[in-house]
Amino acid sequence: MNDTSPFAPDPSTDEPPRLHIEVDPMRCVGSAMCVELAPGVFALNHWRQSEVVDPEGDTLADILEAAGNCPTSAITVSNAVTGEILFP
């Protein structure tokens, strides 16, 4: 099967894309869903808002699940090389 979606690994390297992940502090309400689903990537800061601690700390699937479960849609995920938005 030939997967050409933006979520597919780079076929030349067989590695997932490098990611740029942002949490909008004006939208984050500190529900910690992202921390629960991708604890290697997200942590709560001293204001109890999520922040990115390691964009490579979990799998792409876990990161996208965490972003998709954010109750305020505060998380944006993009390909760090191409700038292509992967979520939302």
N, C-alpha and C. Protein backbone atom coordinates (compact mmCIF):
# COMPACT_ATOMS: atom_id res chain seq x y z
N MET A 1 0.85 -1.19 0.00
CA MET A 1 0.00 0.00 0.00
C MET A 1 0.89 1.24 0.00
N ASN A 2 0.57 2.18 -0.84
CA ASN A 2 1.36 3.41 -0.97
C ASN A 2 0.66 4.52 -0.21
N ASP A 3 1.17 4.86 0.96
CA ASP A 3 0.58 5.90 1.79
C ASP A 3 1.29 7.22 1.54
N THR A 4 0.56 8.19 0.96
CA THR A 4 1.16 9.49 0.67
C THR A 4 0.57 10.58 1.55
N SER A 5 -0.10 10.19 2.64
CA SER A 5 -0.68 11.19 3.53
C SER A 5 0.43 11.93 4.27
N PRO A 6 0.13 13.12 4.81
CA PRO A 6 1.15 13.87 5.54
C PRO A 6 1.58 13.17 6.83
N PHE A 7 0.82 12.16 7.26
CA PHE A 7 1.15 11.42 8.46
C PHE A 7 2.11 10.28 8.20
N ALA A 8 2.34 9.97 6.92
CA ALA A 8 3.21 8.85 6.57
C ALA A 8 4.67 9.20 6.83
N PRO A 9 5.47 8.19 7.17
CA PRO A 9 6.91 8.45 7.31
C PRO A 9 7.51 8.88 5.98
N ASP A 10 8.59 9.62 6.04
CA ASP A 10 9.32 10.00 4.83
C ASP A 10 9.86 8.72 4.20
N PRO A 11 9.44 8.37 2.98
CA PRO A 11 9.86 7.11 2.39
C PRO A 11 11.37 7.02 2.16
N SER A 12 12.04 8.15 2.05
CA SER A 12 13.48 8.11 1.83
C SER A 12 14.26 7.80 3.11
N THR A 13 13.64 8.03 4.28
CA THR A 13 14.32 7.78 5.55
C THR A 13 13.60 6.77 6.41
N ASP A 14 12.33 6.49 6.10
CA ASP A 14 11.51 5.57 6.89
C ASP A 14 11.32 6.07 8.32
N GLU A 15 11.41 7.38 8.52
CA GLU A 15 11.21 7.98 9.83
C GLU A 15 10.01 8.91 9.77
N PRO A 16 9.33 9.10 10.90
CA PRO A 16 8.22 10.05 10.91
C PRO A 16 8.73 11.47 10.70
N PRO A 17 7.86 12.36 10.26
CA PRO A 17 8.30 13.74 10.02
C PRO A 17 8.72 14.42 11.31
N ARG A 18 9.69 15.34 11.23
CA ARG A 18 10.02 16.18 12.38
C ARG A 18 8.84 17.11 12.61
N LEU A 19 8.49 17.32 13.85
CA LEU A 19 7.29 18.06 14.16
C LEU A 19 7.57 19.39 14.84
N HIS A 20 6.70 20.34 14.55
CA HIS A 20 6.65 21.60 15.29
C HIS A 20 5.29 21.58 15.98
N ILE A 21 5.29 21.66 17.30
CA ILE A 21 4.06 21.58 18.08
C ILE A 21 3.94 22.84 18.90
N GLU A 22 2.77 23.46 18.83
CA GLU A 22 2.52 24.69 19.60
C GLU A 22 1.27 24.52 20.45
N VAL A 23 1.31 25.09 21.63
CA VAL A 23 0.13 25.17 22.50
C VAL A 23 -0.18 26.65 22.66
N ASP A 24 -1.39 27.05 22.29
CA ASP A 24 -1.81 28.44 22.41
C ASP A 24 -2.18 28.72 23.87
N PRO A 25 -1.37 29.51 24.57
CA PRO A 25 -1.64 29.75 26.00
C PRO A 25 -2.93 30.52 26.25
N MET A 26 -3.43 31.22 25.23
CA MET A 26 -4.69 31.95 25.39
C MET A 26 -5.89 31.00 25.34
N ARG A 27 -5.69 29.80 24.81
CA ARG A 27 -6.79 28.84 24.70
C ARG A 27 -6.68 27.70 25.71
N CYS A 28 -5.48 27.38 26.15
CA CYS A 28 -5.27 26.25 27.04
C CYS A 28 -5.91 26.50 28.41
N VAL A 29 -6.71 25.53 28.86
CA VAL A 29 -7.36 25.65 30.16
C VAL A 29 -6.79 24.66 31.18
N GLY A 30 -5.73 23.96 30.80
CA GLY A 30 -5.05 23.07 31.73
C GLY A 30 -5.78 21.79 32.05
N SER A 31 -6.53 21.26 31.10
CA SER A 31 -7.26 20.01 31.35
C SER A 31 -6.30 18.82 31.49
N ALA A 32 -5.11 18.95 30.95
CA ALA A 32 -4.05 17.93 31.01
C ALA A 32 -4.36 16.69 30.18
N MET A 33 -5.33 16.75 29.27
CA MET A 33 -5.58 15.61 28.38
C MET A 33 -4.35 15.30 27.54
N CYS A 34 -3.66 16.33 27.08
CA CYS A 34 -2.47 16.11 26.26
C CYS A 34 -1.36 15.46 27.07
N VAL A 35 -1.24 15.85 28.33
CA VAL A 35 -0.22 15.26 29.21
C VAL A 35 -0.54 13.79 29.45
N GLU A 36 -1.80 13.49 29.59
CA GLU A 36 -2.24 12.10 29.80
C GLU A 36 -1.95 11.24 28.56
N LEU A 37 -2.20 11.79 27.37
CA LEU A 37 -2.09 11.00 26.14
C LEU A 37 -0.70 11.00 25.52
N ALA A 38 0.08 12.05 25.75
CA ALA A 38 1.44 12.13 25.20
C ALA A 38 2.37 12.76 26.25
N PRO A 39 2.62 12.03 27.34
CA PRO A 39 3.39 12.60 28.45
C PRO A 39 4.85 12.88 28.11
N GLY A 40 5.37 12.29 27.07
CA GLY A 40 6.74 12.58 26.66
C GLY A 40 6.87 13.90 25.94
N VAL A 41 5.74 14.44 25.48
CA VAL A 41 5.74 15.68 24.70
C VAL A 41 5.25 16.87 25.51
N PHE A 42 4.21 16.66 26.30
CA PHE A 42 3.55 17.76 27.00
C PHE A 42 3.74 17.67 28.52
N ALA A 43 3.78 18.82 29.16
CA ALA A 43 3.80 18.92 30.62
C ALA A 43 3.05 20.19 31.01
N LEU A 44 2.56 20.22 32.23
CA LEU A 44 1.92 21.44 32.72
C LEU A 44 2.97 22.33 33.36
N ASN A 45 2.90 23.62 33.04
CA ASN A 45 3.84 24.58 33.62
C ASN A 45 3.30 25.09 34.96
N HIS A 46 3.96 26.06 35.54
CA HIS A 46 3.54 26.54 36.86
C HIS A 46 2.21 27.31 36.84
N TRP A 47 1.70 27.63 35.67
CA TRP A 47 0.37 28.25 35.54
C TRP A 47 -0.70 27.18 35.28
N ARG A 48 -0.28 25.90 35.31
CA ARG A 48 -1.14 24.76 34.99
C ARG A 48 -1.65 24.80 33.56
N GLN A 49 -0.80 25.28 32.68
CA GLN A 49 -1.09 25.23 31.26
C GLN A 49 -0.09 24.30 30.60
N SER A 50 -0.54 23.68 29.53
CA SER A 50 0.32 22.75 28.82
C SER A 50 1.41 23.49 28.06
N GLU A 51 2.58 22.83 28.00
CA GLU A 51 3.66 23.33 27.16
C GLU A 51 4.38 22.13 26.57
N VAL A 52 5.05 22.35 25.45
CA VAL A 52 5.79 21.29 24.78
C VAL A 52 7.16 21.19 25.42
N VAL A 53 7.49 19.98 25.91
CA VAL A 53 8.81 19.76 26.51
C VAL A 53 9.74 18.98 25.59
N ASP A 54 9.17 18.18 24.67
CA ASP A 54 9.97 17.42 23.71
C ASP A 54 9.09 17.01 22.53
N PRO A 55 9.21 17.69 21.39
CA PRO A 55 8.33 17.37 20.25
C PRO A 55 8.56 15.97 19.68
N GLU A 56 9.61 15.31 20.11
CA GLU A 56 9.88 13.94 19.64
C GLU A 56 9.69 12.92 20.76
N GLY A 57 8.99 13.31 21.83
CA GLY A 57 8.87 12.48 23.01
C GLY A 57 7.84 11.38 22.94
N ASP A 58 7.00 11.37 21.94
CA ASP A 58 5.99 10.33 21.76
C ASP A 58 5.78 10.09 20.28
N THR A 59 4.98 9.09 19.97
CA THR A 59 4.71 8.77 18.57
C THR A 59 3.81 9.83 17.94
N LEU A 60 3.87 9.90 16.63
CA LEU A 60 3.01 10.83 15.90
C LEU A 60 1.54 10.53 16.21
N ALA A 61 1.19 9.27 16.27
CA ALA A 61 -0.20 8.89 16.56
C ALA A 61 -0.63 9.41 17.93
N ASP A 62 0.24 9.27 18.94
CA ASP A 62 -0.09 9.75 20.28
C ASP A 62 -0.20 11.27 20.32
N ILE A 63 0.68 11.95 19.59
CA ILE A 63 0.65 13.41 19.55
C ILE A 63 -0.63 13.91 18.90
N LEU A 64 -1.01 13.29 17.79
CA LEU A 64 -2.23 13.69 17.10
C LEU A 64 -3.47 13.37 17.92
N GLU A 65 -3.44 12.26 18.67
CA GLU A 65 -4.55 11.94 19.55
C GLU A 65 -4.66 12.97 20.67
N ALA A 66 -3.51 13.36 21.22
CA ALA A 66 -3.51 14.37 22.27
C ALA A 66 -4.06 15.70 21.75
N ALA A 67 -3.62 16.11 20.58
CA ALA A 67 -4.11 17.36 19.99
C ALA A 67 -5.60 17.28 19.71
N GLY A 68 -6.04 16.14 19.21
CA GLY A 68 -7.46 15.96 18.89
C GLY A 68 -8.36 15.91 20.10
N ASN A 69 -7.81 15.57 21.25
CA ASN A 69 -8.61 15.49 22.47
C ASN A 69 -8.53 16.74 23.33
N CYS A 70 -7.79 17.74 22.89
CA CYS A 70 -7.73 19.00 23.62
C CYS A 70 -9.12 19.64 23.59
N PRO A 71 -9.73 19.90 24.75
CA PRO A 71 -11.10 20.42 24.77
C PRO A 71 -11.24 21.84 24.20
N THR A 72 -10.14 22.57 24.09
CA THR A 72 -10.23 23.94 23.56
C THR A 72 -9.49 24.09 22.23
N SER A 73 -9.04 22.98 21.65
CA SER A 73 -8.31 23.00 20.37
C SER A 73 -7.12 23.96 20.42
N ALA A 74 -6.36 23.88 21.50
CA ALA A 74 -5.24 24.79 21.70
C ALA A 74 -3.94 24.30 21.06
N ILE A 75 -3.92 23.08 20.53
CA ILE A 75 -2.69 22.48 20.03
C ILE A 75 -2.66 22.46 18.51
N THR A 76 -1.54 22.92 17.96
CA THR A 76 -1.30 22.87 16.52
C THR A 76 -0.06 22.01 16.29
N VAL A 77 -0.17 21.11 15.31
CA VAL A 77 0.94 20.23 14.96
C VAL A 77 1.25 20.43 13.48
N SER A 78 2.51 20.68 13.18
CA SER A 78 2.89 20.84 11.77
C SER A 78 4.21 20.12 11.51
N ASN A 79 4.46 19.89 10.23
CA ASN A 79 5.73 19.30 9.79
C ASN A 79 6.78 20.40 9.91
N ALA A 80 7.84 20.17 10.68
CA ALA A 80 8.85 21.19 10.93
C ALA A 80 9.66 21.51 9.69
N VAL A 81 9.71 20.61 8.74
CA VAL A 81 10.51 20.83 7.54
C VAL A 81 9.71 21.56 6.47
N THR A 82 8.48 21.09 6.23
CA THR A 82 7.67 21.65 5.14
C THR A 82 6.71 22.74 5.59
N GLY A 83 6.41 22.78 6.90
CA GLY A 83 5.43 23.74 7.40
C GLY A 83 4.00 23.27 7.23
N GLU A 84 3.80 22.10 6.64
CA GLU A 84 2.46 21.58 6.40
C GLU A 84 1.77 21.33 7.74
N ILE A 85 0.54 21.83 7.87
CA ILE A 85 -0.25 21.66 9.09
C ILE A 85 -0.78 20.22 9.11
N LEU A 86 -0.49 19.49 10.19
CA LEU A 86 -0.97 18.13 10.35
C LEU A 86 -2.19 18.08 11.24
N PHE A 87 -2.31 19.04 12.15
CA PHE A 87 -3.49 19.16 13.00
C PHE A 87 -3.60 20.60 13.45
N PRO A 88 -4.72 21.24 13.47
CA PRO A 88 -6.02 20.71 13.11
C PRO A 88 -6.20 20.64 11.62
